[in-house]
Amino acid sequence: MQAPTSRCWQTQGVLAREGGERAFNHPAMGVLHYQQVSLSLAGWPDYRLTMLLAAQPVSVDDRDRRRRTRA
């Protein structure tokens, strides 16, 4: 028997996400914007490196506030 996730993936009920802007609603900091970049590795077609890069420069105050909220 095939797992539901696998079945949905094969029928395109689940699609891979492409790069682009992503936004997340952080409970203490509000909406955070990131740019998603995905790299496919040559010779390794089953692997992909996906990164979320800050869409706007982050100030020192913002960085310190993020550290405090994670602790």
N, C-alpha and C. Protein backbone atom coordinates (compact mmCIF):
# COMPACT_ATOMS: atom_id res chain seq x y z
N MET A 1 0.84 -1.19 0.00
CA MET A 1 0.00 0.00 0.00
C MET A 1 0.89 1.25 0.00
N GLN A 2 0.50 2.23 -0.78
CA GLN A 2 1.28 3.45 -0.94
C GLN A 2 0.87 4.49 0.11
N ALA A 3 1.85 5.20 0.66
CA ALA A 3 1.58 6.24 1.66
C ALA A 3 0.79 7.38 1.02
N PRO A 4 -0.13 8.02 1.77
CA PRO A 4 -0.93 9.12 1.21
C PRO A 4 -0.09 10.25 0.63
N THR A 5 1.02 10.60 1.31
CA THR A 5 1.86 11.68 0.81
C THR A 5 2.46 11.32 -0.54
N SER A 6 2.94 10.11 -0.67
CA SER A 6 3.52 9.66 -1.92
C SER A 6 2.48 9.65 -3.03
N ARG A 7 1.29 9.19 -2.72
CA ARG A 7 0.20 9.14 -3.71
C ARG A 7 -0.17 10.56 -4.17
N CYS A 8 -0.28 11.50 -3.23
CA CYS A 8 -0.61 12.88 -3.58
C CYS A 8 0.50 13.51 -4.41
N TRP A 9 1.76 13.21 -4.05
CA TRP A 9 2.88 13.78 -4.79
C TRP A 9 2.84 13.32 -6.25
N GLN A 10 2.59 12.04 -6.44
CA GLN A 10 2.57 11.49 -7.80
C GLN A 10 1.39 12.02 -8.61
N THR A 11 0.28 12.33 -7.96
CA THR A 11 -0.87 12.86 -8.69
C THR A 11 -0.86 14.39 -8.72
N GLN A 12 0.25 14.98 -8.27
CA GLN A 12 0.44 16.43 -8.26
C GLN A 12 -0.50 17.13 -7.28
N GLY A 13 -0.98 16.39 -6.27
CA GLY A 13 -1.74 17.02 -5.21
C GLY A 13 -0.81 17.82 -4.30
N VAL A 14 0.49 17.52 -4.38
CA VAL A 14 1.52 18.25 -3.66
C VAL A 14 2.53 18.70 -4.69
N LEU A 15 2.78 19.99 -4.77
CA LEU A 15 3.70 20.51 -5.77
C LEU A 15 4.95 21.08 -5.10
N ALA A 16 6.08 20.94 -5.76
CA ALA A 16 7.31 21.54 -5.26
C ALA A 16 7.20 23.05 -5.36
N ARG A 17 7.71 23.75 -4.38
CA ARG A 17 7.66 25.21 -4.40
C ARG A 17 8.86 25.75 -5.15
N GLU A 18 8.62 26.75 -5.95
CA GLU A 18 9.69 27.42 -6.66
C GLU A 18 10.20 28.57 -5.81
N GLY A 19 11.26 29.21 -6.25
CA GLY A 19 11.80 30.36 -5.53
C GLY A 19 10.85 31.53 -5.57
N GLY A 20 11.15 32.53 -4.79
CA GLY A 20 10.32 33.72 -4.74
C GLY A 20 10.20 34.24 -3.33
N GLU A 21 9.37 35.23 -3.14
CA GLU A 21 9.20 35.83 -1.82
C GLU A 21 8.34 34.95 -0.93
N ARG A 22 8.75 34.86 0.33
CA ARG A 22 8.00 34.13 1.34
C ARG A 22 7.81 35.08 2.53
N ALA A 23 6.68 34.98 3.17
CA ALA A 23 6.40 35.79 4.35
C ALA A 23 5.91 34.88 5.47
N PHE A 24 6.39 35.15 6.67
CA PHE A 24 6.01 34.39 7.84
C PHE A 24 5.57 35.35 8.93
N ASN A 25 4.52 35.01 9.64
CA ASN A 25 4.02 35.87 10.71
C ASN A 25 4.60 35.40 12.04
N HIS A 26 5.63 36.09 12.51
CA HIS A 26 6.30 35.76 13.77
C HIS A 26 5.49 36.35 14.91
N PRO A 27 5.24 35.59 15.98
CA PRO A 27 4.38 36.07 17.06
C PRO A 27 4.89 37.34 17.75
N ALA A 28 6.20 37.54 17.83
CA ALA A 28 6.72 38.72 18.52
C ALA A 28 7.18 39.82 17.56
N MET A 29 7.61 39.44 16.35
CA MET A 29 8.21 40.41 15.43
C MET A 29 7.31 40.80 14.27
N GLY A 30 6.18 40.16 14.16
CA GLY A 30 5.28 40.48 13.06
C GLY A 30 5.67 39.75 11.79
N VAL A 31 5.31 40.32 10.65
CA VAL A 31 5.55 39.66 9.36
C VAL A 31 7.01 39.82 8.97
N LEU A 32 7.66 38.70 8.67
CA LEU A 32 9.05 38.69 8.22
C LEU A 32 9.07 38.26 6.76
N HIS A 33 9.84 38.96 5.94
CA HIS A 33 9.90 38.67 4.50
C HIS A 33 11.25 38.06 4.15
N TYR A 34 11.19 37.02 3.33
CA TYR A 34 12.40 36.33 2.88
C TYR A 34 12.30 36.08 1.39
N GLN A 35 13.46 35.94 0.77
CA GLN A 35 13.54 35.53 -0.63
C GLN A 35 14.01 34.09 -0.64
N GLN A 36 13.22 33.19 -1.25
CA GLN A 36 13.61 31.79 -1.31
C GLN A 36 14.43 31.55 -2.56
N VAL A 37 15.58 30.90 -2.37
CA VAL A 37 16.46 30.54 -3.48
C VAL A 37 16.69 29.04 -3.37
N SER A 38 16.50 28.33 -4.47
CA SER A 38 16.71 26.88 -4.49
C SER A 38 17.77 26.54 -5.52
N LEU A 39 18.72 25.70 -5.12
CA LEU A 39 19.79 25.28 -6.01
C LEU A 39 19.72 23.78 -6.20
N SER A 40 19.75 23.34 -7.46
CA SER A 40 19.81 21.91 -7.76
C SER A 40 21.28 21.54 -7.90
N LEU A 41 21.65 20.40 -7.35
CA LEU A 41 23.03 19.97 -7.36
C LEU A 41 23.33 19.10 -8.57
N ALA A 42 24.33 19.48 -9.34
CA ALA A 42 24.72 18.71 -10.52
C ALA A 42 25.16 17.32 -10.09
N GLY A 43 24.64 16.33 -10.76
CA GLY A 43 25.00 14.95 -10.45
C GLY A 43 24.21 14.34 -9.30
N TRP A 44 23.37 15.14 -8.65
CA TRP A 44 22.56 14.67 -7.53
C TRP A 44 21.12 15.15 -7.75
N PRO A 45 20.41 14.62 -8.71
CA PRO A 45 19.08 15.14 -9.06
C PRO A 45 18.03 15.01 -7.95
N ASP A 46 18.26 14.14 -6.99
CA ASP A 46 17.29 13.97 -5.91
C ASP A 46 17.50 14.95 -4.76
N TYR A 47 18.54 15.77 -4.85
CA TYR A 47 18.86 16.70 -3.77
C TYR A 47 18.72 18.14 -4.24
N ARG A 48 18.29 18.99 -3.33
CA ARG A 48 18.16 20.42 -3.61
C ARG A 48 18.49 21.18 -2.33
N LEU A 49 19.21 22.27 -2.49
CA LEU A 49 19.51 23.15 -1.37
C LEU A 49 18.58 24.34 -1.46
N THR A 50 17.77 24.56 -0.43
CA THR A 50 16.83 25.67 -0.41
C THR A 50 17.21 26.60 0.73
N MET A 51 17.32 27.90 0.40
CA MET A 51 17.72 28.90 1.40
C MET A 51 16.67 29.99 1.47
N LEU A 52 16.45 30.52 2.65
CA LEU A 52 15.62 31.70 2.84
C LEU A 52 16.55 32.84 3.22
N LEU A 53 16.64 33.86 2.37
CA LEU A 53 17.50 35.01 2.58
C LEU A 53 16.65 36.19 3.00
N ALA A 54 17.11 36.95 3.97
CA ALA A 54 16.37 38.13 4.41
C ALA A 54 16.12 39.04 3.22
N ALA A 55 14.88 39.44 3.01
CA ALA A 55 14.52 40.26 1.87
C ALA A 55 14.94 41.70 2.07
N GLN A 56 15.12 42.13 3.32
CA GLN A 56 15.53 43.50 3.64
C GLN A 56 16.72 43.42 4.58
N PRO A 57 17.61 44.40 4.52
CA PRO A 57 18.72 44.39 5.48
C PRO A 57 18.18 44.41 6.91
N VAL A 58 18.83 43.68 7.78
CA VAL A 58 18.41 43.58 9.17
C VAL A 58 19.30 44.47 10.02
N SER A 59 18.71 45.35 10.81
CA SER A 59 19.49 46.23 11.67
C SER A 59 20.00 45.45 12.88
N VAL A 60 21.00 46.00 13.56
CA VAL A 60 21.55 45.37 14.76
C VAL A 60 20.46 45.22 15.81
N ASP A 61 19.60 46.23 15.98
CA ASP A 61 18.51 46.16 16.95
C ASP A 61 17.57 45.01 16.64
N ASP A 62 17.22 44.85 15.37
CA ASP A 62 16.33 43.75 14.97
C ASP A 62 16.99 42.40 15.24
N ARG A 63 18.29 42.29 14.92
CA ARG A 63 19.00 41.03 15.14
C ARG A 63 19.03 40.69 16.62
N ASP A 64 19.31 41.68 17.47
CA ASP A 64 19.33 41.43 18.92
C ASP A 64 17.95 41.04 19.43
N ARG A 65 16.92 41.68 18.93
CA ARG A 65 15.55 41.35 19.35
C ARG A 65 15.21 39.92 18.95
N ARG A 66 15.63 39.49 17.76
CA ARG A 66 15.37 38.11 17.32
C ARG A 66 16.06 37.12 18.24
N ARG A 67 17.30 37.43 18.61
CA ARG A 67 18.03 36.52 19.50
C ARG A 67 17.33 36.38 20.85
N ARG A 68 16.82 37.50 21.39
CA ARG A 68 16.13 37.45 22.68
C ARG A 68 14.84 36.64 22.58
N THR A 69 14.13 36.72 21.46
CA THR A 69 12.87 36.00 21.35
C THR A 69 13.09 34.50 21.18
N ARG A 70 14.26 34.10 20.68
CA ARG A 70 14.57 32.68 20.51
C ARG A 70 14.97 32.02 21.82
N ALA A 71 15.52 32.81 22.73
CA ALA A 71 16.04 32.26 24.00
C ALA A 71 14.93 31.80 24.92
